């Protein structure tokens, strides 16, 4: 794995640590990896949805 330095606001760090202390994640690294995976998944889904909408619009009206 590769380490990536990042700066996080104190409030985000506090909220992240609270979630970790509640047992949702084992540590900060696990939390951040999951957040990155979820963001990638969401953005891919949004791009796919936009492409499908564009295709449907083109199919219905012959233009974007």
Protein backbone atom coordinates (compact mmCIF):
# COMPACT_ATOMS: atom_id res chain seq x y z
CA UNK A 1 0.00 0.00 0.00
CA UNK A 2 1.03 3.57 -0.52
CA UNK A 3 0.81 6.26 2.16
CA UNK A 4 -0.81 9.54 1.12
CA UNK A 5 -0.38 12.59 3.33
CA UNK A 6 -3.60 14.49 3.88
CA UNK A 7 -4.71 17.40 6.01
CA UNK A 8 -8.03 17.02 7.81
CA UNK A 9 -9.86 19.68 9.78
CA UNK A 10 -10.07 19.16 13.53
CA UNK A 11 -13.86 18.73 13.34
CA UNK A 12 -13.64 16.01 10.67
CA UNK A 13 -10.91 14.27 12.65
CA UNK A 14 -13.02 14.37 15.81
CA UNK A 15 -16.07 12.98 14.01
CA UNK A 16 -13.96 10.26 12.36
CA UNK A 17 -12.43 9.27 15.71
CA UNK A 18 -15.87 9.09 17.32
CA UNK A 19 -17.06 6.69 14.61
CA UNK A 20 -13.92 4.59 15.08
CA UNK A 21 -14.41 4.55 18.87
CA UNK A 22 -18.00 3.33 18.31
CA UNK A 23 -16.49 0.30 16.57
CA UNK A 24 -17.51 1.00 12.99
CA UNK A 25 -13.87 0.92 11.85
CA UNK A 26 -10.71 -0.50 13.34
CA UNK A 27 -8.60 2.59 12.67
CA UNK A 28 -8.29 5.82 10.69
CA UNK A 29 -6.70 4.11 7.68
CA UNK A 30 -9.60 1.70 7.34
CA UNK A 31 -12.09 4.57 7.64
CA UNK A 32 -10.33 6.64 4.97
CA UNK A 33 -9.97 3.69 2.55
CA UNK A 34 -13.68 2.98 2.88
CA UNK A 35 -14.53 6.66 2.33
CA UNK A 36 -12.41 6.72 -0.84
CA UNK A 37 -13.99 3.49 -2.13
CA UNK A 38 -17.49 4.85 -1.49
CA UNK A 39 -16.70 8.14 -3.23
CA UNK A 40 -15.32 6.31 -6.27
CA UNK A 41 -18.39 4.04 -6.39
CA UNK A 42 -20.77 7.02 -6.15
CA UNK A 43 -18.99 9.04 -8.82
CA UNK A 44 -18.87 6.09 -11.22
CA UNK A 45 -22.61 5.56 -10.72
CA UNK A 46 -23.29 9.26 -11.34
CA UNK A 47 -21.21 9.24 -14.54
CA UNK A 48 -23.02 6.12 -15.77
CA UNK A 49 -26.40 7.67 -15.00
CA UNK A 50 -25.46 10.84 -16.90
CA UNK A 51 -24.32 8.78 -19.90
CA UNK A 52 -27.54 6.77 -19.92
CA UNK A 53 -29.63 9.95 -19.71
CA UNK A 54 -27.66 11.43 -22.59
CA UNK A 55 -28.21 8.28 -24.68
CA UNK A 56 -31.93 8.29 -23.92
CA UNK A 57 -32.20 11.96 -24.83
CA UNK A 58 -30.30 11.35 -28.05
CA UNK A 59 -32.56 8.37 -28.81
CA UNK A 60 -35.71 10.39 -28.22
CA UNK A 61 -34.73 13.69 -29.80
CA UNK A 62 -31.66 12.94 -31.92
CA UNK A 63 -29.49 15.43 -30.04
CA UNK A 64 -27.87 16.03 -26.66
